[in-house]
Amino acid sequence: MNLTPPTDPLAQGLQRLIADKGFVRVDAGSADTFAAADDASVLLLTDELVRSPETWDMIVVLPEALKAVGPLADAGVADPEASRSIAARFGISRFPALVLQRGGDYLGSIEGMRDWQPLVQSLRELALAPASRRPGIGIVVRSADTPACRP
């Protein structure tokens, strides 16, 4: 077991979220299990600080914003490698990003950093939102009986 604290600032920030703020570490393999909670959950997707300096801001601000919103089932965080994989499932292209889900259903996402009030308001709205279709590439599926499928 390696007890040496990470020296990378991003790794230190993620570790603080987990150890001090109760966030759950989520990777591509555990993302669906994490999202299955009955109450709304929020997942922070991160990127390397040189590519997305706003990631650091979100690491600092998000725990306080969640306190203002009220309790969610779980708060999770993914490192940059896992975040890229998870982001692809939701059509997310800008980091940091927040993905809100309830019972495995997609509620919505927030891409990039926002000012305090818009961030808190968006989190509140998404936590109460009905489930919706995940964004991304949609392929219309029709039955063979649909006239549009015939030559």
N, C-alpha and C. Protein backbone atom coordinates (compact mmCIF):
# COMPACT_ATOMS: atom_id res chain seq x y z
N MET A 1 0.85 -1.18 0.00
CA MET A 1 0.00 0.00 0.00
C MET A 1 0.90 1.24 0.00
N ASN A 2 0.62 2.15 -0.90
CA ASN A 2 1.41 3.38 -1.01
C ASN A 2 0.73 4.46 -0.17
N LEU A 3 1.40 4.89 0.89
CA LEU A 3 0.84 5.92 1.77
C LEU A 3 1.37 7.31 1.46
N THR A 4 2.21 7.40 0.43
CA THR A 4 2.75 8.69 0.03
C THR A 4 1.66 9.50 -0.65
N PRO A 5 1.41 10.72 -0.18
CA PRO A 5 0.37 11.53 -0.83
C PRO A 5 0.79 11.90 -2.24
N PRO A 6 -0.16 12.03 -3.16
CA PRO A 6 0.18 12.40 -4.53
C PRO A 6 0.79 13.80 -4.57
N THR A 7 1.72 14.00 -5.52
CA THR A 7 2.36 15.31 -5.66
C THR A 7 1.70 16.14 -6.76
N ASP A 8 0.96 15.52 -7.63
CA ASP A 8 0.25 16.21 -8.70
C ASP A 8 -0.92 16.99 -8.09
N PRO A 9 -1.03 18.30 -8.36
CA PRO A 9 -2.11 19.09 -7.76
C PRO A 9 -3.51 18.55 -8.06
N LEU A 10 -3.74 18.07 -9.27
CA LEU A 10 -5.06 17.52 -9.60
C LEU A 10 -5.33 16.27 -8.77
N ALA A 11 -4.36 15.38 -8.69
CA ALA A 11 -4.53 14.16 -7.88
C ALA A 11 -4.78 14.52 -6.42
N GLN A 12 -4.10 15.54 -5.93
CA GLN A 12 -4.32 15.98 -4.54
C GLN A 12 -5.75 16.51 -4.36
N GLY A 13 -6.22 17.28 -5.32
CA GLY A 13 -7.57 17.82 -5.24
C GLY A 13 -8.62 16.72 -5.27
N LEU A 14 -8.43 15.74 -6.15
CA LEU A 14 -9.37 14.62 -6.22
C LEU A 14 -9.35 13.82 -4.92
N GLN A 15 -8.15 13.62 -4.38
CA GLN A 15 -8.03 12.88 -3.12
C GLN A 15 -8.74 13.61 -1.98
N ARG A 16 -8.64 14.94 -1.95
CA ARG A 16 -9.34 15.72 -0.92
C ARG A 16 -10.86 15.58 -1.05
N LEU A 17 -11.35 15.60 -2.28
CA LEU A 17 -12.79 15.41 -2.47
C LEU A 17 -13.24 14.06 -1.90
N ILE A 18 -12.44 13.05 -2.12
CA ILE A 18 -12.79 11.70 -1.67
C ILE A 18 -12.63 11.57 -0.16
N ALA A 19 -11.48 11.97 0.35
CA ALA A 19 -11.18 11.77 1.78
C ALA A 19 -11.91 12.75 2.69
N ASP A 20 -12.01 14.00 2.27
CA ASP A 20 -12.56 15.03 3.16
C ASP A 20 -14.02 15.39 2.88
N LYS A 21 -14.46 15.22 1.65
CA LYS A 21 -15.81 15.68 1.28
C LYS A 21 -16.77 14.53 1.00
N GLY A 22 -16.30 13.29 1.10
CA GLY A 22 -17.19 12.14 0.93
C GLY A 22 -17.54 11.78 -0.50
N PHE A 23 -16.81 12.30 -1.47
CA PHE A 23 -17.05 11.92 -2.86
C PHE A 23 -16.61 10.48 -3.08
N VAL A 24 -17.21 9.83 -4.05
CA VAL A 24 -16.88 8.46 -4.41
C VAL A 24 -16.02 8.51 -5.67
N ARG A 25 -14.94 7.72 -5.69
CA ARG A 25 -14.12 7.63 -6.90
C ARG A 25 -14.86 6.75 -7.90
N VAL A 26 -15.07 7.28 -9.10
CA VAL A 26 -15.81 6.56 -10.14
C VAL A 26 -14.91 6.38 -11.34
N ASP A 27 -14.95 5.19 -11.93
CA ASP A 27 -14.22 4.96 -13.17
C ASP A 27 -15.22 4.47 -14.22
N ALA A 28 -14.74 4.21 -15.41
CA ALA A 28 -15.64 3.83 -16.49
C ALA A 28 -16.42 2.56 -16.15
N GLY A 29 -15.81 1.65 -15.41
CA GLY A 29 -16.47 0.40 -15.06
C GLY A 29 -17.50 0.53 -13.95
N SER A 30 -17.38 1.54 -13.12
CA SER A 30 -18.31 1.69 -11.98
C SER A 30 -19.33 2.82 -12.18
N ALA A 31 -19.28 3.49 -13.32
CA ALA A 31 -20.16 4.65 -13.54
C ALA A 31 -21.64 4.28 -13.51
N ASP A 32 -22.02 3.17 -14.11
CA ASP A 32 -23.43 2.79 -14.12
C ASP A 32 -23.92 2.41 -12.73
N THR A 33 -23.09 1.70 -11.98
CA THR A 33 -23.46 1.33 -10.61
C THR A 33 -23.61 2.58 -9.75
N PHE A 34 -22.69 3.52 -9.91
CA PHE A 34 -22.75 4.77 -9.16
C PHE A 34 -24.06 5.51 -9.45
N ALA A 35 -24.46 5.54 -10.70
CA ALA A 35 -25.64 6.31 -11.12
C ALA A 35 -26.96 5.64 -10.75
N ALA A 36 -26.92 4.43 -10.25
CA ALA A 36 -28.15 3.67 -10.00
C ALA A 36 -28.89 4.08 -8.72
N ALA A 37 -28.35 5.02 -7.95
CA ALA A 37 -28.99 5.44 -6.70
C ALA A 37 -30.40 5.96 -6.97
N ASP A 38 -31.31 5.72 -6.03
CA ASP A 38 -32.70 6.17 -6.19
C ASP A 38 -32.83 7.69 -6.21
N ASP A 39 -31.99 8.37 -5.43
CA ASP A 39 -32.00 9.83 -5.43
C ASP A 39 -31.01 10.34 -6.46
N ALA A 40 -31.08 11.62 -6.76
CA ALA A 40 -30.19 12.21 -7.75
C ALA A 40 -28.74 12.12 -7.29
N SER A 41 -27.86 11.80 -8.23
CA SER A 41 -26.43 11.78 -7.95
C SER A 41 -25.75 12.71 -8.95
N VAL A 42 -24.60 13.22 -8.54
CA VAL A 42 -23.83 14.10 -9.42
C VAL A 42 -22.43 13.52 -9.56
N LEU A 43 -21.95 13.50 -10.79
CA LEU A 43 -20.61 12.99 -11.09
C LEU A 43 -19.80 14.10 -11.72
N LEU A 44 -18.67 14.42 -11.11
CA LEU A 44 -17.75 15.43 -11.63
C LEU A 44 -16.76 14.77 -12.58
N LEU A 45 -16.76 15.22 -13.83
CA LEU A 45 -15.81 14.75 -14.82
C LEU A 45 -14.71 15.80 -14.95
N THR A 46 -13.48 15.36 -14.84
CA THR A 46 -12.34 16.28 -14.79
C THR A 46 -11.45 16.14 -16.02
N ASP A 47 -10.54 17.08 -16.16
CA ASP A 47 -9.52 17.02 -17.20
C ASP A 47 -8.22 17.54 -16.60
N GLU A 48 -7.13 17.28 -17.29
CA GLU A 48 -5.83 17.77 -16.83
C GLU A 48 -5.89 19.29 -16.70
N LEU A 49 -5.24 19.81 -15.67
CA LEU A 49 -5.31 21.25 -15.38
C LEU A 49 -4.74 22.11 -16.50
N VAL A 50 -3.74 21.62 -17.23
CA VAL A 50 -3.17 22.42 -18.31
C VAL A 50 -4.17 22.57 -19.46
N ARG A 51 -5.05 21.61 -19.66
CA ARG A 51 -6.06 21.69 -20.71
C ARG A 51 -7.33 22.38 -20.24
N SER A 52 -7.62 22.22 -18.95
CA SER A 52 -8.87 22.75 -18.41
C SER A 52 -8.63 23.30 -17.01
N PRO A 53 -8.09 24.52 -16.91
CA PRO A 53 -7.84 25.10 -15.59
C PRO A 53 -9.10 25.23 -14.74
N GLU A 54 -10.27 25.31 -15.39
CA GLU A 54 -11.53 25.41 -14.66
C GLU A 54 -11.81 24.17 -13.82
N THR A 55 -11.14 23.07 -14.15
CA THR A 55 -11.32 21.84 -13.35
C THR A 55 -10.97 22.11 -11.90
N TRP A 56 -9.89 22.86 -11.68
CA TRP A 56 -9.50 23.17 -10.30
C TRP A 56 -10.58 23.98 -9.60
N ASP A 57 -11.14 24.95 -10.30
CA ASP A 57 -12.21 25.77 -9.72
C ASP A 57 -13.40 24.90 -9.31
N MET A 58 -13.77 23.96 -10.18
CA MET A 58 -14.92 23.10 -9.87
C MET A 58 -14.63 22.19 -8.68
N ILE A 59 -13.40 21.71 -8.56
CA ILE A 59 -13.03 20.86 -7.42
C ILE A 59 -13.23 21.63 -6.11
N VAL A 60 -12.91 22.91 -6.13
CA VAL A 60 -13.03 23.74 -4.93
C VAL A 60 -14.48 24.14 -4.67
N VAL A 61 -15.20 24.53 -5.70
CA VAL A 61 -16.54 25.11 -5.56
C VAL A 61 -17.65 24.06 -5.41
N LEU A 62 -17.53 22.93 -6.09
CA LEU A 62 -18.63 21.97 -6.12
C LEU A 62 -19.11 21.51 -4.74
N PRO A 63 -18.23 21.15 -3.81
CA PRO A 63 -18.74 20.72 -2.49
C PRO A 63 -19.61 21.78 -1.82
N GLU A 64 -19.23 23.04 -1.95
CA GLU A 64 -20.02 24.11 -1.35
C GLU A 64 -21.34 24.31 -2.10
N ALA A 65 -21.30 24.19 -3.42
CA ALA A 65 -22.52 24.32 -4.21
C ALA A 65 -23.51 23.21 -3.85
N LEU A 66 -23.00 22.01 -3.63
CA LEU A 66 -23.88 20.90 -3.26
C LEU A 66 -24.51 21.11 -1.89
N LYS A 67 -23.78 21.75 -0.98
CA LYS A 67 -24.37 22.08 0.32
C LYS A 67 -25.54 23.04 0.14
N ALA A 68 -25.39 24.00 -0.77
CA ALA A 68 -26.44 24.98 -1.01
C ALA A 68 -27.66 24.34 -1.68
N VAL A 69 -27.43 23.33 -2.50
CA VAL A 69 -28.51 22.66 -3.21
C VAL A 69 -29.30 21.76 -2.28
N GLY A 70 -28.63 21.13 -1.36
CA GLY A 70 -29.28 20.14 -0.50
C GLY A 70 -28.75 18.77 -0.83
N PRO A 71 -29.12 17.80 -0.05
CA PRO A 71 -28.51 16.48 -0.21
C PRO A 71 -28.89 15.79 -1.52
N LEU A 72 -27.89 15.24 -2.14
CA LEU A 72 -28.07 14.34 -3.27
C LEU A 72 -27.64 12.97 -2.77
N ALA A 73 -28.03 11.92 -3.46
CA ALA A 73 -27.69 10.57 -3.02
C ALA A 73 -26.19 10.40 -2.90
N ASP A 74 -25.48 10.73 -3.93
CA ASP A 74 -24.04 10.56 -3.95
C ASP A 74 -23.41 11.65 -4.80
N ALA A 75 -22.18 11.97 -4.45
CA ALA A 75 -21.35 12.84 -5.28
C ALA A 75 -20.13 12.02 -5.63
N GLY A 76 -19.81 11.98 -6.90
CA GLY A 76 -18.67 11.20 -7.36
C GLY A 76 -17.73 12.05 -8.18
N VAL A 77 -16.53 11.53 -8.36
CA VAL A 77 -15.52 12.21 -9.16
C VAL A 77 -14.73 11.18 -9.95
N ALA A 78 -14.42 11.52 -11.18
CA ALA A 78 -13.63 10.65 -12.05
C ALA A 78 -12.36 11.37 -12.45
N ASP A 79 -11.26 10.62 -12.52
CA ASP A 79 -10.01 11.22 -12.96
C ASP A 79 -10.10 11.48 -14.46
N PRO A 80 -9.13 12.23 -15.03
CA PRO A 80 -9.24 12.61 -16.44
C PRO A 80 -9.40 11.44 -17.41
N GLU A 81 -8.67 10.35 -17.19
CA GLU A 81 -8.77 9.22 -18.12
C GLU A 81 -10.19 8.63 -18.08
N ALA A 82 -10.69 8.36 -16.90
CA ALA A 82 -12.05 7.83 -16.77
C ALA A 82 -13.08 8.85 -17.27
N SER A 83 -12.83 10.12 -17.01
CA SER A 83 -13.77 11.17 -17.42
C SER A 83 -13.96 11.20 -18.93
N ARG A 84 -12.89 11.02 -19.68
CA ARG A 84 -13.02 11.04 -21.15
C ARG A 84 -13.92 9.90 -21.62
N SER A 85 -13.74 8.74 -21.04
CA SER A 85 -14.56 7.59 -21.42
C SER A 85 -16.03 7.81 -21.04
N ILE A 86 -16.26 8.28 -19.84
CA ILE A 86 -17.63 8.52 -19.37
C ILE A 86 -18.27 9.66 -20.17
N ALA A 87 -17.51 10.71 -20.45
CA ALA A 87 -18.04 11.86 -21.19
C ALA A 87 -18.55 11.45 -22.57
N ALA A 88 -17.88 10.51 -23.20
CA ALA A 88 -18.29 10.06 -24.53
C ALA A 88 -19.70 9.45 -24.50
N ARG A 89 -20.08 8.85 -23.39
CA ARG A 89 -21.42 8.25 -23.27
C ARG A 89 -22.52 9.31 -23.25
N PHE A 90 -22.16 10.53 -22.86
CA PHE A 90 -23.15 11.59 -22.69
C PHE A 90 -22.98 12.73 -23.68
N GLY A 91 -22.12 12.57 -24.66
CA GLY A 91 -21.90 13.62 -25.64
C GLY A 91 -21.26 14.87 -25.07
N ILE A 92 -20.50 14.72 -23.99
CA ILE A 92 -19.86 15.86 -23.33
C ILE A 92 -18.52 16.13 -23.99
N SER A 93 -18.28 17.40 -24.31
CA SER A 93 -17.03 17.76 -24.98
C SER A 93 -16.24 18.82 -24.23
N ARG A 94 -16.79 19.37 -23.16
CA ARG A 94 -16.09 20.43 -22.43
C ARG A 94 -15.98 20.04 -20.96
N PHE A 95 -14.78 20.23 -20.43
CA PHE A 95 -14.51 19.90 -19.02
C PHE A 95 -14.20 21.16 -18.24
N PRO A 96 -14.45 21.16 -16.95
CA PRO A 96 -15.08 20.11 -16.18
C PRO A 96 -16.55 19.99 -16.55
N ALA A 97 -17.12 18.85 -16.24
CA ALA A 97 -18.54 18.63 -16.50
C ALA A 97 -19.17 17.92 -15.32
N LEU A 98 -20.44 18.15 -15.14
CA LEU A 98 -21.22 17.47 -14.10
C LEU A 98 -22.33 16.70 -14.80
N VAL A 99 -22.48 15.44 -14.42
CA VAL A 99 -23.55 14.61 -14.96
C VAL A 99 -24.47 14.25 -13.80
N LEU A 100 -25.74 14.55 -13.94
CA LEU A 100 -26.72 14.20 -12.91
C LEU A 100 -27.60 13.07 -13.41
N GLN A 101 -27.79 12.08 -12.53
CA GLN A 101 -28.61 10.91 -12.85
C GLN A 101 -29.42 10.51 -11.62
N ARG A 102 -30.49 9.78 -11.88
CA ARG A 102 -31.31 9.24 -10.79
C ARG A 102 -31.78 7.86 -11.22
N GLY A 103 -31.51 6.86 -10.39
CA GLY A 103 -31.93 5.51 -10.72
C GLY A 103 -31.38 5.02 -12.04
N GLY A 104 -30.21 5.50 -12.41
CA GLY A 104 -29.60 5.13 -13.69
C GLY A 104 -30.10 5.94 -14.86
N ASP A 105 -31.10 6.79 -14.64
CA ASP A 105 -31.65 7.63 -15.71
C ASP A 105 -30.93 8.97 -15.76
N TYR A 106 -30.72 9.45 -16.95
CA TYR A 106 -30.04 10.72 -17.19
C TYR A 106 -30.97 11.89 -16.87
N LEU A 107 -30.49 12.83 -16.07
CA LEU A 107 -31.25 14.04 -15.74
C LEU A 107 -30.74 15.24 -16.51
N GLY A 108 -29.43 15.30 -16.73
CA GLY A 108 -28.85 16.43 -17.45
C GLY A 108 -27.38 16.58 -17.11
N SER A 109 -26.75 17.53 -17.76
CA SER A 109 -25.33 17.78 -17.50
C SER A 109 -25.04 19.27 -17.57
N ILE A 110 -23.94 19.63 -16.97
CA ILE A 110 -23.44 21.00 -16.98
C ILE A 110 -22.01 20.91 -17.48
N GLU A 111 -21.71 21.61 -18.57
CA GLU A 111 -20.36 21.60 -19.11
C GLU A 111 -19.68 22.93 -18.82
N GLY A 112 -18.45 22.86 -18.32
CA GLY A 112 -17.70 24.06 -18.01
C GLY A 112 -18.08 24.62 -16.65
N MET A 113 -17.30 25.58 -16.22
CA MET A 113 -17.53 26.24 -14.93
C MET A 113 -18.55 27.35 -15.11
N ARG A 114 -19.35 27.57 -14.10
CA ARG A 114 -20.34 28.66 -14.10
C ARG A 114 -20.13 29.51 -12.87
N ASP A 115 -20.67 30.72 -12.91
CA ASP A 115 -20.68 31.56 -11.71
C ASP A 115 -21.53 30.86 -10.65
N TRP A 116 -21.36 31.31 -9.40
CA TRP A 116 -21.99 30.64 -8.26
C TRP A 116 -23.50 30.46 -8.42
N GLN A 117 -24.23 31.54 -8.58
CA GLN A 117 -25.69 31.45 -8.61
C GLN A 117 -26.20 30.60 -9.77
N PRO A 118 -25.70 30.79 -10.99
CA PRO A 118 -26.16 29.92 -12.09
C PRO A 118 -25.80 28.44 -11.86
N LEU A 119 -24.67 28.18 -11.23
CA LEU A 119 -24.28 26.79 -10.95
C LEU A 119 -25.26 26.16 -9.97
N VAL A 120 -25.52 26.84 -8.86
CA VAL A 120 -26.43 26.31 -7.84
C VAL A 120 -27.83 26.14 -8.43
N GLN A 121 -28.30 27.12 -9.18
CA GLN A 121 -29.63 27.04 -9.78
C GLN A 121 -29.73 25.87 -10.76
N SER A 122 -28.71 25.68 -11.59
CA SER A 122 -28.71 24.57 -12.54
C SER A 122 -28.71 23.23 -11.82
N LEU A 123 -27.92 23.11 -10.76
CA LEU A 123 -27.89 21.87 -9.99
C LEU A 123 -29.26 21.58 -9.37
N ARG A 124 -29.89 22.60 -8.82
CA ARG A 124 -31.23 22.42 -8.22
C ARG A 124 -32.24 21.93 -9.27
N GLU A 125 -32.23 22.60 -10.41
CA GLU A 125 -33.18 22.25 -11.46
C GLU A 125 -32.96 20.83 -11.97
N LEU A 126 -31.70 20.48 -12.20
CA LEU A 126 -31.40 19.14 -12.73
C LEU A 126 -31.70 18.05 -11.71
N ALA A 127 -31.46 18.32 -10.43
CA ALA A 127 -31.72 17.32 -9.39
C ALA A 127 -33.20 16.98 -9.32
N LEU A 128 -34.06 17.91 -9.70
CA LEU A 128 -35.51 17.69 -9.65
C LEU A 128 -36.12 17.35 -11.01
N ALA A 129 -35.30 17.38 -12.04
CA ALA A 129 -35.79 17.20 -13.41
C ALA A 129 -36.25 15.76 -13.64
N PRO A 130 -37.21 15.59 -14.56
CA PRO A 130 -37.57 14.23 -14.95
C PRO A 130 -36.46 13.63 -15.80
N ALA A 131 -36.43 12.32 -15.86
CA ALA A 131 -35.44 11.64 -16.68
C ALA A 131 -35.61 12.05 -18.14
N SER A 132 -34.50 12.09 -18.84
CA SER A 132 -34.55 12.45 -20.26
C SER A 132 -33.58 11.56 -21.03
N ARG A 133 -33.64 11.65 -22.33
CA ARG A 133 -32.76 10.88 -23.20
C ARG A 133 -31.35 11.43 -23.10
N ARG A 134 -30.39 10.52 -23.03
CA ARG A 134 -28.99 10.95 -23.05
C ARG A 134 -28.69 11.63 -24.37
N PRO A 135 -27.94 12.73 -24.33
CA PRO A 135 -27.57 13.37 -25.59
C PRO A 135 -26.52 12.52 -26.31
N GLY A 136 -26.29 12.82 -27.52
CA GLY A 136 -25.30 12.08 -28.30
C GLY A 136 -25.87 11.78 -29.66
N ILE A 137 -25.20 10.90 -30.32
CA ILE A 137 -25.63 10.53 -31.66
C ILE A 137 -26.86 9.65 -31.54
N GLY A 138 -27.91 10.08 -32.17
CA GLY A 138 -29.14 9.29 -32.15
C GLY A 138 -29.38 8.68 -33.52
N ILE A 139 -29.66 7.41 -33.56
CA ILE A 139 -29.96 6.74 -34.81
C ILE A 139 -31.42 6.31 -34.74
N VAL A 140 -32.19 6.78 -35.68
CA VAL A 140 -33.60 6.45 -35.70
C VAL A 140 -33.75 4.99 -36.08
N VAL A 141 -34.47 4.24 -35.28
CA VAL A 141 -34.72 2.83 -35.56
C VAL A 141 -36.18 2.68 -35.93
N ARG A 142 -36.42 2.06 -37.06
CA ARG A 142 -37.79 1.86 -37.52
C ARG A 142 -38.00 0.38 -37.80
N SER A 143 -39.23 -0.04 -37.70
CA SER A 143 -39.53 -1.44 -38.00
C SER A 143 -39.50 -1.66 -39.50
N ALA A 144 -39.42 -2.91 -39.90
CA ALA A 144 -39.40 -3.24 -41.32
C ALA A 144 -40.71 -2.87 -42.00
N ASP A 145 -41.78 -2.72 -41.21
CA ASP A 145 -43.08 -2.37 -41.77
C ASP A 145 -43.22 -0.88 -42.06
N THR A 146 -42.26 -0.08 -41.62
CA THR A 146 -42.33 1.36 -41.83
C THR A 146 -42.05 1.66 -43.30
N PRO A 147 -42.94 2.39 -43.98
CA PRO A 147 -42.76 2.67 -45.40
C PRO A 147 -41.41 3.31 -45.73
N ALA A 148 -40.85 4.09 -44.83
CA ALA A 148 -39.59 4.76 -45.13
C ALA A 148 -38.44 3.78 -45.30
N CYS A 149 -38.62 2.54 -44.85
CA CYS A 149 -37.55 1.55 -44.95
C CYS A 149 -37.62 0.78 -46.26
N ARG A 150 -38.66 0.95 -47.01
CA ARG A 150 -38.82 0.19 -48.26
C ARG A 150 -38.23 0.98 -49.42
N PRO A 151 -37.70 0.25 -50.40
CA PRO A 151 -37.12 0.92 -51.57
C PRO A 151 -38.14 1.63 -52.41
